Amino acid sequence: TAGHRTGSAGGAPVTRLRLAAKAIVVSAVTFVTALLAIGIV
């Protein structure tokens, strides 16, 4: 939700492509971090 403001606050509009890209980044980072953590812990 960073950088996405609606109304008078300004900011970039929310697009599906941008939201999907952020979801993919978060998913990949979470997967790799969890895999490393489980492999170490």
Full PDB file with SEQRES, HELIX, SHEET, SSBOND, CRYST1, ORIGX, SCALE, CONECT and MASTER records, all heavy atoms in Angstrom:
SEQRES   1 A   41  THR ALA GLY HIS ARG THR GLY SER ALA GLY GLY ALA PRO          
SEQRES   2 A   41  VAL THR ARG LEU ARG LEU ALA ALA LYS ALA ILE VAL VAL          
SEQRES   3 A   41  SER ALA VAL THR PHE VAL THR ALA LEU LEU ALA ILE GLY          
SEQRES   4 A   41  ILE VAL                                                      
HELIX    1 AA1 GLY A    7  ALA A    9  5                                   3    
HELIX    2 AA2 ARG A   16  ILE A   40  1                                  25    
CRYST1    1.000    1.000    1.000  90.00  90.00  90.00 P 1           1          
ORIGX1      1.000000  0.000000  0.000000        0.00000                         
ORIGX2      0.000000  1.000000  0.000000        0.00000                         
ORIGX3      0.000000  0.000000  1.000000        0.00000                         
SCALE1      1.000000  0.000000  0.000000        0.00000                         
SCALE2      0.000000  1.000000  0.000000        0.00000                         
SCALE3      0.000000  0.000000  1.000000        0.00000                         
ATOM      1  N   THR A   1       0.810  -1.223   0.000  1.00  0.00           N  
ATOM      2  CA  THR A   1       0.000   0.000   0.000  1.00  0.00           C  
ATOM      3  C   THR A   1       0.843   1.273   0.000  1.00  0.00           C  
ATOM      4  O   THR A   1       0.291   2.367  -0.062  1.00  0.00           O  
ATOM      5  CB  THR A   1      -0.932   0.026   1.218  1.00  0.00           C  
ATOM      6  OG1 THR A   1      -0.157  -0.032   2.415  1.00  0.00           O  
ATOM      7  CG2 THR A   1      -1.912  -1.123   1.167  1.00  0.00           C  
ATOM      8  N   ALA A   2       2.167   1.149   0.061  1.00  0.00           N  
ATOM      9  CA  ALA A   2       3.041   2.327   0.072  1.00  0.00           C  
ATOM     10  C   ALA A   2       2.920   3.073  -1.258  1.00  0.00           C  
ATOM     11  O   ALA A   2       2.959   2.491  -2.324  1.00  0.00           O  
ATOM     12  CB  ALA A   2       4.483   1.918   0.317  1.00  0.00           C  
ATOM     13  N   GLY A   3       2.753   4.366  -1.193  1.00  0.00           N  
ATOM     14  CA  GLY A   3       2.692   5.184  -2.389  1.00  0.00           C  
ATOM     15  C   GLY A   3       1.326   5.239  -3.043  1.00  0.00           C  
ATOM     16  O   GLY A   3       1.157   5.899  -4.050  1.00  0.00           O  
ATOM     17  N   HIS A   4       0.360   4.553  -2.493  1.00  0.00           N  
ATOM     18  CA  HIS A   4      -0.982   4.559  -3.072  1.00  0.00           C  
ATOM     19  C   HIS A   4      -1.918   5.305  -2.141  1.00  0.00           C  
ATOM     20  O   HIS A   4      -2.297   4.819  -1.090  1.00  0.00           O  
ATOM     21  CB  HIS A   4      -1.506   3.139  -3.272  1.00  0.00           C  
ATOM     22  CG  HIS A   4      -0.671   2.329  -4.216  1.00  0.00           C  
ATOM     23  ND1 HIS A   4      -0.466   2.690  -5.520  1.00  0.00           N  
ATOM     24  CD2 HIS A   4       0.020   1.187  -4.037  1.00  0.00           C  
ATOM     25  CE1 HIS A   4       0.302   1.806  -6.105  1.00  0.00           C  
ATOM     26  NE2 HIS A   4       0.617   0.887  -5.224  1.00  0.00           N  
ATOM     27  N   ARG A   5      -2.270   6.488  -2.533  1.00  0.00           N  
ATOM     28  CA  ARG A   5      -3.198   7.283  -1.741  1.00  0.00           C  
ATOM     29  C   ARG A   5      -4.358   7.666  -2.636  1.00  0.00           C  
ATOM     30  O   ARG A   5      -4.183   7.949  -3.824  1.00  0.00           O  
ATOM     31  CB  ARG A   5      -2.531   8.541  -1.215  1.00  0.00           C  
ATOM     32  CG  ARG A   5      -1.307   8.281  -0.365  1.00  0.00           C  
ATOM     33  CD  ARG A   5      -1.703   7.811   1.036  1.00  0.00           C  
ATOM     34  NE  ARG A   5      -0.522   7.657   1.862  1.00  0.00           N  
ATOM     35  CZ  ARG A   5      -0.001   6.488   2.187  1.00  0.00           C  
ATOM     36  NH1 ARG A   5      -0.518   5.387   1.752  1.00  0.00           N  
ATOM     37  NH2 ARG A   5       1.053   6.420   2.961  1.00  0.00           N  
ATOM     38  N   THR A   6      -5.516   7.700  -2.073  1.00  0.00           N  
ATOM     39  CA  THR A   6      -6.679   8.125  -2.846  1.00  0.00           C  
ATOM     40  C   THR A   6      -7.204   9.432  -2.289  1.00  0.00           C  
ATOM     41  O   THR A   6      -6.919   9.807  -1.148  1.00  0.00           O  
ATOM     42  CB  THR A   6      -7.798   7.062  -2.778  1.00  0.00           C  
ATOM     43  OG1 THR A   6      -8.144   6.850  -1.412  1.00  0.00           O  
ATOM     44  CG2 THR A   6      -7.348   5.758  -3.391  1.00  0.00           C  
ATOM     45  N   GLY A   7      -7.960  10.121  -3.097  1.00  0.00           N  
ATOM     46  CA  GLY A   7      -8.568  11.356  -2.625  1.00  0.00           C  
ATOM     47  C   GLY A   7      -7.605  12.519  -2.640  1.00  0.00           C  
ATOM     48  O   GLY A   7      -6.743  12.645  -3.508  1.00  0.00           O  
ATOM     49  N   SER A   8      -7.711  13.385  -1.664  1.00  0.00           N  
ATOM     50  CA  SER A   8      -6.943  14.632  -1.643  1.00  0.00           C  
ATOM     51  C   SER A   8      -5.493  14.432  -1.217  1.00  0.00           C  
ATOM     52  O   SER A   8      -4.698  15.350  -1.313  1.00  0.00           O  
ATOM     53  CB  SER A   8      -7.620  15.626  -0.700  1.00  0.00           C  
ATOM     54  OG  SER A   8      -7.636  15.098   0.613  1.00  0.00           O  
ATOM     55  N   ALA A   9      -5.128  13.252  -0.714  1.00  0.00           N  
ATOM     56  CA  ALA A   9      -3.761  13.026  -0.249  1.00  0.00           C  
ATOM     57  C   ALA A   9      -2.774  12.937  -1.401  1.00  0.00           C  
ATOM     58  O   ALA A   9      -1.581  13.094  -1.219  1.00  0.00           O  
ATOM     59  CB  ALA A   9      -3.686  11.757   0.596  1.00  0.00           C  
ATOM     60  N   GLY A  10      -3.253  12.689  -2.619  1.00  0.00           N  
ATOM     61  CA  GLY A  10      -2.377  12.583  -3.776  1.00  0.00           C  
ATOM     62  C   GLY A  10      -1.716  11.225  -3.833  1.00  0.00           C  
ATOM     63  O   GLY A  10      -1.959  10.354  -3.019  1.00  0.00           O  
ATOM     64  N   GLY A  11      -0.837  11.024  -4.801  1.00  0.00           N  
ATOM     65  CA  GLY A  11      -0.139   9.760  -4.945  1.00  0.00           C  
ATOM     66  C   GLY A  11      -0.535   9.072  -6.232  1.00  0.00           C  
ATOM     67  O   GLY A  11      -1.440   9.491  -6.939  1.00  0.00           O  
ATOM     68  N   ALA A  12       0.175   8.015  -6.546  1.00  0.00           N  
ATOM     69  CA  ALA A  12      -0.069   7.280  -7.788  1.00  0.00           C  
ATOM     70  C   ALA A  12      -1.357   6.470  -7.676  1.00  0.00           C  
ATOM     71  O   ALA A  12      -1.678   5.950  -6.609  1.00  0.00           O  
ATOM     72  CB  ALA A  12       1.102   6.348  -8.069  1.00  0.00           C  
ATOM     73  N   PRO A  13      -2.082   6.350  -8.782  1.00  0.00           N  
ATOM     74  CA  PRO A  13      -3.288   5.519  -8.734  1.00  0.00           C  
ATOM     75  C   PRO A  13      -2.916   4.040  -8.641  1.00  0.00           C  
ATOM     76  O   PRO A  13      -1.848   3.626  -9.075  1.00  0.00           O  
ATOM     77  CB  PRO A  13      -3.981   5.825 -10.062  1.00  0.00           C  
ATOM     78  CG  PRO A  13      -2.892   6.289 -10.954  1.00  0.00           C  
ATOM     79  CD  PRO A  13      -1.883   6.979 -10.068  1.00  0.00           C  
ATOM     80  N   VAL A  14      -3.797   3.268  -8.067  1.00  0.00           N  
ATOM     81  CA  VAL A  14      -3.569   1.838  -7.914  1.00  0.00           C  
ATOM     82  C   VAL A  14      -3.918   1.158  -9.234  1.00  0.00           C  
ATOM     83  O   VAL A  14      -5.036   1.263  -9.719  1.00  0.00           O  
ATOM     84  CB  VAL A  14      -4.441   1.253  -6.783  1.00  0.00           C  
ATOM     85  CG1 VAL A  14      -4.209  -0.234  -6.659  1.00  0.00           C  
ATOM     86  CG2 VAL A  14      -4.159   1.953  -5.475  1.00  0.00           C  
ATOM     87  N   THR A  15      -2.927   0.483  -9.828  1.00  0.00           N  
ATOM     88  CA  THR A  15      -3.189  -0.280 -11.044  1.00  0.00           C  
ATOM     89  C   THR A  15      -3.031  -1.763 -10.729  1.00  0.00           C  
ATOM     90  O   THR A  15      -2.272  -2.138  -9.830  1.00  0.00           O  
ATOM     91  CB  THR A  15      -2.217   0.108 -12.172  1.00  0.00           C  
ATOM     92  OG1 THR A  15      -0.884  -0.242 -11.769  1.00  0.00           O  
ATOM     93  CG2 THR A  15      -2.293   1.591 -12.485  1.00  0.00           C  
ATOM     94  N   ARG A  16      -3.730  -2.574 -11.457  1.00  0.00           N  
ATOM     95  CA  ARG A  16      -3.652  -4.022 -11.223  1.00  0.00           C  
ATOM     96  C   ARG A  16      -2.263  -4.558 -11.521  1.00  0.00           C  
ATOM     97  O   ARG A  16      -1.774  -5.430 -10.813  1.00  0.00           O  
ATOM     98  CB  ARG A  16      -4.683  -4.741 -12.080  1.00  0.00           C  
ATOM     99  CG  ARG A  16      -6.085  -4.524 -11.609  1.00  0.00           C  
ATOM    100  CD  ARG A  16      -7.055  -5.312 -12.430  1.00  0.00           C  
ATOM    101  NE  ARG A  16      -8.411  -4.971 -12.027  1.00  0.00           N  
ATOM    102  CZ  ARG A  16      -9.446  -5.731 -12.254  1.00  0.00           C  
ATOM    103  NH1 ARG A  16      -9.307  -6.853 -12.901  1.00  0.00           N  
ATOM    104  NH2 ARG A  16     -10.635  -5.356 -11.847  1.00  0.00           N  
ATOM    105  N   LEU A  17      -1.635  -4.048 -12.554  1.00  0.00           N  
ATOM    106  CA  LEU A  17      -0.300  -4.516 -12.921  1.00  0.00           C  
ATOM    107  C   LEU A  17       0.716  -4.207 -11.825  1.00  0.00           C  
ATOM    108  O   LEU A  17       1.518  -5.063 -11.444  1.00  0.00           O  
ATOM    109  CB  LEU A  17       0.132  -3.867 -14.244  1.00  0.00           C  
ATOM    110  CG  LEU A  17       1.476  -4.318 -14.795  1.00  0.00           C  
ATOM    111  CD1 LEU A  17       1.449  -5.824 -15.076  1.00  0.00           C  
ATOM    112  CD2 LEU A  17       1.812  -3.548 -16.054  1.00  0.00           C  
ATOM    113  N   ARG A  18       0.652  -2.992 -11.303  1.00  0.00           N  
ATOM    114  CA  ARG A  18       1.584  -2.611 -10.234  1.00  0.00           C  
ATOM    115  C   ARG A  18       1.321  -3.418  -8.954  1.00  0.00           C  
ATOM    116  O   ARG A  18       2.250  -3.869  -8.288  1.00  0.00           O  
ATOM    117  CB  ARG A  18       1.461  -1.125  -9.958  1.00  0.00           C  
ATOM    118  CG  ARG A  18       2.532  -0.616  -9.049  1.00  0.00           C  
ATOM    119  CD  ARG A  18       2.538   0.873  -9.017  1.00  0.00           C  
ATOM    120  NE  ARG A  18       3.676   1.308  -8.229  1.00  0.00           N  
ATOM    121  CZ  ARG A  18       4.105   2.525  -8.194  1.00  0.00           C  
ATOM    122  NH1 ARG A  18       3.523   3.448  -8.903  1.00  0.00           N  
ATOM    123  NH2 ARG A  18       5.128   2.844  -7.448  1.00  0.00           N  
ATOM    124  N   LEU A  19       0.062  -3.617  -8.622  1.00  0.00           N  
ATOM    125  CA  LEU A  19      -0.285  -4.402  -7.438  1.00  0.00           C  
ATOM    126  C   LEU A  19       0.147  -5.857  -7.606  1.00  0.00           C  
ATOM    127  O   LEU A  19       0.668  -6.474  -6.674  1.00  0.00           O  
ATOM    128  CB  LEU A  19      -1.795  -4.313  -7.184  1.00  0.00           C  
ATOM    129  CG  LEU A  19      -2.296  -4.814  -5.841  1.00  0.00           C  
ATOM    130  CD1 LEU A  19      -1.627  -4.064  -4.700  1.00  0.00           C  
ATOM    131  CD2 LEU A  19      -3.797  -4.669  -5.754  1.00  0.00           C  
ATOM    132  N   ALA A  20      -0.026  -6.414  -8.811  1.00  0.00           N  
ATOM    133  CA  ALA A  20       0.405  -7.790  -9.078  1.00  0.00           C  
ATOM    134  C   ALA A  20       1.924  -7.916  -8.979  1.00  0.00           C  
ATOM    135  O   ALA A  20       2.442  -8.899  -8.433  1.00  0.00           O  
ATOM    136  CB  ALA A  20      -0.081  -8.235 -10.451  1.00  0.00           C  
ATOM    137  N   ALA A  21       2.641  -6.920  -9.492  1.00  0.00           N  
ATOM    138  CA  ALA A  21       4.103  -6.942  -9.413  1.00  0.00           C  
ATOM    139  C   ALA A  21       4.567  -6.916  -7.966  1.00  0.00           C  
ATOM    140  O   ALA A  21       5.479  -7.652  -7.575  1.00  0.00           O  
ATOM    141  CB  ALA A  21       4.687  -5.765 -10.189  1.00  0.00           C  
ATOM    142  N   LYS A  22       3.925  -6.085  -7.160  1.00  0.00           N  
ATOM    143  CA  LYS A  22       4.296  -6.024  -5.740  1.00  0.00           C  
ATOM    144  C   LYS A  22       3.971  -7.341  -5.035  1.00  0.00           C  
ATOM    145  O   LYS A  22       4.737  -7.802  -4.184  1.00  0.00           O  
ATOM    146  CB  LYS A  22       3.588  -4.859  -5.047  1.00  0.00           C  
ATOM    147  CG  LYS A  22       4.198  -3.520  -5.385  1.00  0.00           C  
ATOM    148  CD  LYS A  22       3.612  -2.429  -4.521  1.00  0.00           C  
ATOM    149  CE  LYS A  22       4.342  -1.126  -4.760  1.00  0.00           C  
ATOM    150  NZ  LYS A  22       4.031  -0.123  -3.762  1.00  0.00           N  
ATOM    151  N   ALA A  23       2.852  -7.953  -5.384  1.00  0.00           N  
ATOM    152  CA  ALA A  23       2.487  -9.237  -4.777  1.00  0.00           C  
ATOM    153  C   ALA A  23       3.509 -10.314  -5.131  1.00  0.00           C  
ATOM    154  O   ALA A  23       3.869 -11.142  -4.288  1.00  0.00           O  
ATOM    155  CB  ALA A  23       1.093  -9.653  -5.232  1.00  0.00           C  
ATOM    156  N   ILE A  24       3.986 -10.311  -6.368  1.00  0.00           N  
ATOM    157  CA  ILE A  24       4.995 -11.292  -6.786  1.00  0.00           C  
ATOM    158  C   ILE A  24       6.300 -11.067  -6.028  1.00  0.00           C  
ATOM    159  O   ILE A  24       6.932 -12.027  -5.572  1.00  0.00           O  
ATOM    160  CB  ILE A  24       5.201 -11.225  -8.315  1.00  0.00           C  
ATOM    161  CG1 ILE A  24       3.958 -11.767  -9.024  1.00  0.00           C  
ATOM    162  CG2 ILE A  24       6.443 -11.992  -8.744  1.00  0.00           C  
ATOM    163  CD1 ILE A  24       3.934 -11.542 -10.509  1.00  0.00           C  
ATOM    164  N   VAL A  25       6.709  -9.815  -5.873  1.00  0.00           N  
ATOM    165  CA  VAL A  25       7.938  -9.512  -5.134  1.00  0.00           C  
ATOM    166  C   VAL A  25       7.817  -9.958  -3.673  1.00  0.00           C  
ATOM    167  O   VAL A  25       8.708 -10.613  -3.133  1.00  0.00           O  
ATOM    168  CB  VAL A  25       8.280  -8.004  -5.217  1.00  0.00           C  
ATOM    169  CG1 VAL A  25       9.378  -7.632  -4.241  1.00  0.00           C  
ATOM    170  CG2 VAL A  25       8.671  -7.631  -6.638  1.00  0.00           C  
ATOM    171  N   VAL A  26       6.707  -9.621  -3.034  1.00  0.00           N  
ATOM    172  CA  VAL A  26       6.504 -10.013  -1.636  1.00  0.00           C  
ATOM    173  C   VAL A  26       6.487 -11.540  -1.506  1.00  0.00           C  
ATOM    174  O   VAL A  26       7.093 -12.106  -0.590  1.00  0.00           O  
ATOM    175  CB  VAL A  26       5.205  -9.392  -1.073  1.00  0.00           C  
ATOM    176  CG1 VAL A  26       4.839 -10.005   0.260  1.00  0.00           C  
ATOM    177  CG2 VAL A  26       5.371  -7.896  -0.922  1.00  0.00           C  
ATOM    178  N   SER A  27       5.829 -12.223  -2.416  1.00  0.00           N  
ATOM    179  CA  SER A  27       5.761 -13.687  -2.375  1.00  0.00           C  
ATOM    180  C   SER A  27       7.138 -14.312  -2.527  1.00  0.00           C  
ATOM    181  O   SER A  27       7.502 -15.226  -1.788  1.00  0.00           O  
ATOM    182  CB  SER A  27       4.841 -14.210  -3.471  1.00  0.00           C  
ATOM    183  OG  SER A  27       3.549 -13.714  -3.314  1.00  0.00           O  
ATOM    184  N   ALA A  28       7.897 -13.825  -3.487  1.00  0.00           N  
ATOM    185  CA  ALA A  28       9.234 -14.379  -3.717  1.00  0.00           C  
ATOM    186  C   ALA A  28      10.156 -14.142  -2.527  1.00  0.00           C  
ATOM    187  O   ALA A  28      10.875 -15.052  -2.098  1.00  0.00           O  
ATOM    188  CB  ALA A  28       9.829 -13.773  -4.986  1.00  0.00           C  
ATOM    189  N   VAL A  29      10.133 -12.926  -1.991  1.00  0.00           N  
ATOM    190  CA  VAL A  29      10.992 -12.618  -0.841  1.00  0.00           C  
ATOM    191  C   VAL A  29      10.588 -13.453   0.373  1.00  0.00           C  
ATOM    192  O   VAL A  29      11.444 -13.985   1.085  1.00  0.00           O  
ATOM    193  CB  VAL A  29      10.942 -11.108  -0.524  1.00  0.00           C  
ATOM    194  CG1 VAL A  29      11.588 -10.796   0.817  1.00  0.00           C  
ATOM    195  CG2 VAL A  29      11.611 -10.322  -1.635  1.00  0.00           C  
ATOM    196  N   THR A  30       9.291 -13.599   0.593  1.00  0.00           N  
ATOM    197  CA  THR A  30       8.814 -14.405   1.722  1.00  0.00           C  
ATOM    198  C   THR A  30       9.215 -15.866   1.559  1.00  0.00           C  
ATOM    199  O   THR A  30       9.676 -16.503   2.508  1.00  0.00           O  
ATOM    200  CB  THR A  30       7.283 -14.294   1.846  1.00  0.00           C  
ATOM    201  OG1 THR A  30       6.941 -12.922   2.021  1.00  0.00           O  
ATOM    202  CG2 THR A  30       6.767 -15.099   3.017  1.00  0.00           C  
ATOM    203  N   PHE A  31       9.065 -16.405   0.355  1.00  0.00           N  
ATOM    204  CA  PHE A  31       9.412 -17.809   0.116  1.00  0.00           C  
ATOM    205  C   PHE A  31      10.895 -18.055   0.346  1.00  0.00           C  
ATOM    206  O   PHE A  31      11.278 -19.003   1.044  1.00  0.00           O  
ATOM    207  CB  PHE A  31       9.022 -18.212  -1.315  1.00  0.00           C  
ATOM    208  CG  PHE A  31       9.399 -19.617  -1.651  1.00  0.00           C  
ATOM    209  CD1 PHE A  31       8.655 -20.682  -1.166  1.00  0.00           C  
ATOM    210  CD2 PHE A  31      10.503 -19.881  -2.446  1.00  0.00           C  
ATOM    211  CE1 PHE A  31       9.006 -21.983  -1.463  1.00  0.00           C  
ATOM    212  CE2 PHE A  31      10.855 -21.182  -2.747  1.00  0.00           C  
ATOM    213  CZ  PHE A  31      10.107 -22.230  -2.262  1.00  0.00           C  
ATOM    214  N   VAL A  32      11.748 -17.213  -0.223  1.00  0.00           N  
ATOM    215  CA  VAL A  32      13.192 -17.404  -0.077  1.00  0.00           C  
ATOM    216  C   VAL A  32      13.624 -17.232   1.375  1.00  0.00           C  
ATOM    217  O   VAL A  32      14.414 -18.020   1.902  1.00  0.00           O  
ATOM    218  CB  VAL A  32      13.960 -16.432  -1.005  1.00  0.00           C  
ATOM    219  CG1 VAL A  32      15.450 -16.430  -0.709  1.00  0.00           C  
ATOM    220  CG2 VAL A  32      13.712 -16.805  -2.459  1.00  0.00           C  
ATOM    221  N   THR A  33      13.082 -16.230   2.047  1.00  0.00           N  
ATOM    222  CA  THR A  33      13.432 -16.005   3.449  1.00  0.00           C  
ATOM    223  C   THR A  33      12.991 -17.177   4.325  1.00  0.00           C  
ATOM    224  O   THR A  33      13.752 -17.639   5.181  1.00  0.00           O  
ATOM    225  CB  THR A  33      12.782 -14.700   3.954  1.00  0.00           C  
ATOM    226  OG1 THR A  33      13.186 -13.638   3.112  1.00  0.00           O  
ATOM    227  CG2 THR A  33      13.189 -14.400   5.376  1.00  0.00           C  
ATOM    228  N   ALA A  34      11.770 -17.676   4.116  1.00  0.00           N  
ATOM    229  CA  ALA A  34      11.280 -18.807   4.907  1.00  0.00           C  
ATOM    230  C   ALA A  34      12.097 -20.058   4.630  1.00  0.00           C  
ATOM    231  O   ALA A  34      12.413 -20.822   5.546  1.00  0.00           O  
ATOM    232  CB  ALA A  34       9.808 -19.060   4.607  1.00  0.00           C  
ATOM    233  N   LEU A  35      12.448 -20.285   3.370  1.00  0.00           N  
ATOM    234  CA  LEU A  35      13.248 -21.458   3.014  1.00  0.00           C  
ATOM    235  C   LEU A  35      14.608 -21.417   3.698  1.00  0.00           C  
ATOM    236  O   LEU A  35      15.060 -22.423   4.272  1.00  0.00           O  
ATOM    237  CB  LEU A  35      13.401 -21.516   1.496  1.00  0.00           C  
ATOM    238  CG  LEU A  35      13.935 -22.798   0.899  1.00  0.00           C  
ATOM    239  CD1 LEU A  35      12.984 -23.944   1.206  1.00  0.00           C  
ATOM    240  CD2 LEU A  35      14.091 -22.640  -0.599  1.00  0.00           C  
ATOM    241  N   LEU A  36      15.248 -20.262   3.677  1.00  0.00           N  
ATOM    242  CA  LEU A  36      16.540 -20.121   4.364  1.00  0.00           C  
ATOM    243  C   LEU A  36      16.386 -20.279   5.876  1.00  0.00           C  
ATOM    244  O   LEU A  36      17.207 -20.936   6.520  1.00  0.00           O  
ATOM    245  CB  LEU A  36      17.156 -18.761   4.042  1.00  0.00           C  
ATOM    246  CG  LEU A  36      17.736 -18.604   2.638  1.00  0.00           C  
ATOM    247  CD1 LEU A  36      18.145 -17.169   2.394  1.00  0.00           C  
ATOM    248  CD2 LEU A  36      18.911 -19.534   2.449  1.00  0.00           C  
ATOM    249  N   ALA A  37      15.346 -19.667   6.444  1.00  0.00           N  
ATOM    250  CA  ALA A  37      15.149 -19.753   7.896  1.00  0.00           C  
ATOM    251  C   ALA A  37      14.915 -21.186   8.338  1.00  0.00           C  
ATOM    252  O   ALA A  37      15.502 -21.646   9.328  1.00  0.00           O  
ATOM    253  CB  ALA A  37      13.983 -18.868   8.314  1.00  0.00           C  
ATOM    254  N   ILE A  38      14.070 -21.902   7.620  1.00  0.00           N  
ATOM    255  CA  ILE A  38      13.791 -23.292   7.989  1.00  0.00           C  
ATOM    256  C   ILE A  38      15.028 -24.150   7.790  1.00  0.00           C  
ATOM    257  O   ILE A  38      15.322 -25.033   8.586  1.00  0.00           O  
ATOM    258  CB  ILE A  38      12.579 -23.822   7.205  1.00  0.00           C  
ATOM    259  CG1 ILE A  38      11.305 -23.137   7.704  1.00  0.00           C  
ATOM    260  CG2 ILE A  38      12.451 -25.329   7.327  1.00  0.00           C  
ATOM    261  CD1 ILE A  38      10.080 -23.432   6.883  1.00  0.00           C  
ATOM    262  N   GLY A  39      15.770 -23.873   6.729  1.00  0.00           N  
ATOM    263  CA  GLY A  39      16.994 -24.633   6.471  1.00  0.00           C  
ATOM    264  C   GLY A  39      18.070 -24.406   7.507  1.00  0.00           C  
ATOM    265  O   GLY A  39      18.954 -25.237   7.689  1.00  0.00           O  
ATOM    266  N   ILE A  40      18.020 -23.278   8.194  1.00  0.00           N  
ATOM    267  CA  ILE A  40      19.008 -22.982   9.241  1.00  0.00           C  
ATOM    268  C   ILE A  40      18.471 -23.343  10.624  1.00  0.00           C  
ATOM    269  O   ILE A  40      19.157 -23.960  11.432  1.00  0.00           O  
ATOM    270  CB  ILE A  40      19.407 -21.492   9.189  1.00  0.00           C  
ATOM    271  CG1 ILE A  40      20.153 -21.200   7.890  1.00  0.00           C  
ATOM    272  CG2 ILE A  40      20.239 -21.096  10.400  1.00  0.00           C  
ATOM    273  CD1 ILE A  40      20.354 -19.723   7.611  1.00  0.00           C  
ATOM    274  N   VAL A  41      17.225 -22.964  10.911  1.00  0.00           N  
ATOM    275  CA  VAL A  41      16.667 -23.140  12.254  1.00  0.00           C  
ATOM    276  C   VAL A  41      16.438 -24.612  12.594  1.00  0.00           C  
ATOM    277  O   VAL A  41      16.744 -25.043  13.711  1.00  0.00           O  
ATOM    278  CB  VAL A  41      15.352 -22.336  12.392  1.00  0.00           C  
ATOM    279  CG1 VAL A  41      14.623 -22.699  13.666  1.00  0.00           C  
ATOM    280  CG2 VAL A  41      15.643 -20.855  12.361  1.00  0.00           C  
TER     281      VAL A  41                                                      
MASTER        0    0    0    2    0    0    0    6  280    1    0    4          
END                                                                             
